[in-house]
C-alpha atoms as a PDB file:
ATOM      1  CA  MET A   1     105.340 100.373 124.108  1.00  0.00           C
ATOM      2  CA  ASN A   2     106.833 103.501 122.552  1.00  0.00           C
ATOM      3  CA  ILE A   3     105.118 104.259 119.225  1.00  0.00           C
ATOM      4  CA  LYS A   4     107.020 106.780 117.119  1.00  0.00           C
ATOM      5  CA  THR A   5     105.060 106.556 113.854  1.00  0.00           C
ATOM      6  CA  VAL A   6     101.458 105.678 113.034  1.00  0.00           C
ATOM      7  CA  HIS A   7     100.964 104.445 109.466  1.00  0.00           C
ATOM      8  CA  ALA A   8      97.655 104.605 107.595  1.00  0.00           C
ATOM      9  CA  VAL A   9      97.728 101.730 105.061  1.00  0.00           C
ATOM     10  CA  TYR A  10      94.701 101.307 102.817  1.00  0.00           C
ATOM     11  CA  PHE A  11      93.077 100.513  99.488  1.00  0.00           C
ATOM     12  CA  SER A  12      90.037 102.689  98.935  1.00  0.00           C
ATOM     13  CA  GLY A  13      88.077 102.472  95.703  1.00  0.00           C
ATOM     14  CA  THR A  14      85.464 105.025  96.753  1.00  0.00           C
ATOM     15  CA  GLY A  15      87.335 107.053  99.372  1.00  0.00           C
ATOM     16  CA  THR A  16      85.405 105.797 102.394  1.00  0.00           C
ATOM     17  CA  THR A  17      88.113 103.429 103.656  1.00  0.00           C
ATOM     18  CA  GLU A  18      90.724 106.147 103.136  1.00  0.00           C
ATOM     19  CA  LYS A  19      88.698 108.590 105.224  1.00  0.00           C
ATOM     20  CA  VAL A  20      88.155 106.115 108.072  1.00  0.00           C
ATOM     21  CA  VAL A  21      91.733 104.790 108.179  1.00  0.00           C
ATOM     22  CA  THR A  22      93.451 108.179 107.862  1.00  0.00           C
ATOM     23  CA  THR A  23      91.156 109.807 110.440  1.00  0.00           C
ATOM     24  CA  LEU A  24      91.819 107.022 112.944  1.00  0.00           C
ATOM     25  CA  ALA A  25      95.576 106.976 112.280  1.00  0.00           C
ATOM     26  CA  LYS A  26      95.906 110.768 112.557  1.00  0.00           C
ATOM     27  CA  ASP A  27      93.964 110.780 115.821  1.00  0.00           C
ATOM     28  CA  LEU A  28      96.104 107.983 117.248  1.00  0.00           C
ATOM     29  CA  ALA A  29      99.298 109.750 116.158  1.00  0.00           C
ATOM     30  CA  GLU A  30      98.180 112.942 117.856  1.00  0.00           C
ATOM     31  CA  ARG A  31      97.185 111.178 121.072  1.00  0.00           C
ATOM     32  CA  LEU A  32     100.467 109.227 121.157  1.00  0.00           C
ATOM     33  CA  GLY A  33     102.624 112.205 120.222  1.00  0.00           C
ATOM     34  CA  ALA A  34     103.855 110.216 117.219  1.00  0.00           C
ATOM     35  CA  GLY A  35     104.503 110.961 113.568  1.00  0.00           C
ATOM     36  CA  TYR A  36     102.003 110.087 110.839  1.00  0.00           C
ATOM     37  CA  GLU A  37     102.480 108.516 107.400  1.00  0.00           C
ATOM     38  CA  ALA A  38      99.954 107.346 104.808  1.00  0.00           C
ATOM     39  CA  CYS A  39     100.310 104.611 102.199  1.00  0.00           C
ATOM     40  CA  CYS A  40      97.562 104.251  99.604  1.00  0.00           C
ATOM     41  CA  PHE A  41      97.501 101.096  97.467  1.00  0.00           C
ATOM     42  CA  ASN A  42      94.945 102.352  94.931  1.00  0.00           C
ATOM     43  CA  LEU A  43      97.442 102.587  92.067  1.00  0.00           C
ATOM     44  CA  PRO A  44      99.335  99.495  90.834  1.00  0.00           C
ATOM     45  CA  GLU A  45     102.703 101.286  91.158  1.00  0.00           C
ATOM     46  CA  ALA A  46     102.191 101.678  94.910  1.00  0.00           C
ATOM     47  CA  ARG A  47     101.651  97.923  95.250  1.00  0.00           C
ATOM     48  CA  LYS A  48     105.130  97.127  93.905  1.00  0.00           C
ATOM     49  CA  GLN A  49     107.049  98.226  96.993  1.00  0.00           C
ATOM     50  CA  ALA A  50     107.159  96.164 100.154  1.00  0.00           C
ATOM     51  CA  LEU A  51     106.379  97.825 103.453  1.00  0.00           C
ATOM     52  CA  SER A  52     108.033  96.973 106.718  1.00  0.00           C
ATOM     53  CA  PHE A  53     107.211  98.047 110.234  1.00  0.00           C
ATOM     54  CA  GLY A  54     109.273  97.887 113.376  1.00  0.00           C
ATOM     55  CA  PRO A  55     108.465  97.728 117.074  1.00  0.00           C
ATOM     56  CA  GLU A  56     108.040 101.526 117.219  1.00  0.00           C
ATOM     57  CA  ASP A  57     105.471 101.568 114.390  1.00  0.00           C
ATOM     58  CA  LEU A  58     101.707 101.175 114.541  1.00  0.00           C
ATOM     59  CA  ALA A  59      99.843 100.358 111.308  1.00  0.00           C
ATOM     60  CA  VAL A  60      96.154 101.097 110.874  1.00  0.00           C
ATOM     61  CA  VAL A  61      95.154  98.905 107.918  1.00  0.00           C
ATOM     62  CA  GLY A  62      91.938  99.008 105.907  1.00  0.00           C
ATOM     63  CA  ASP A  63      90.442  96.994 103.011  1.00  0.00           C
ATOM     64  CA  ILE A  64      93.389  94.765 102.271  1.00  0.00           C
ATOM     65  CA  SER A  65      93.518  92.494  99.229  1.00  0.00           C
ATOM     66  CA  ILE A  66      95.718  89.424  98.821  1.00  0.00           C
ATOM     67  CA  THR A  67      98.136  91.516  96.732  1.00  0.00           C
ATOM     68  CA  THR A  68      98.437  94.070  99.530  1.00  0.00           C
ATOM     69  CA  LEU A  69      98.990  91.355 102.127  1.00  0.00           C
ATOM     70  CA  LYS A  70     101.899  90.051 100.044  1.00  0.00           C
ATOM     71  CA  ILE A  71     103.387  93.570  99.949  1.00  0.00           C
ATOM     72  CA  LEU A  72     103.057  93.902 103.717  1.00  0.00           C
ATOM     73  CA  ALA A  73     104.729  90.513 104.124  1.00  0.00           C
ATOM     74  CA  GLY A  74     107.562  91.567 101.794  1.00  0.00           C
ATOM     75  CA  LYS A  75     106.823  88.849  99.210  1.00  0.00           C
END
């Protein structure tokens, strides 16, 4: 497994989930020597785009709603 990018994907109404997910994803990225990207679904506009991940991506996902799952699935 050759991870090139670690993605922090989260919805965080109070900021706690964001803190946990981003901290974990950043630490993993550093340990793996990979890049880091964050995707916050707090605002409705962010939920309109579909996300896709490949075999060289690792997604750390927190507090996912049905709407977010549909975005991740590309539907």
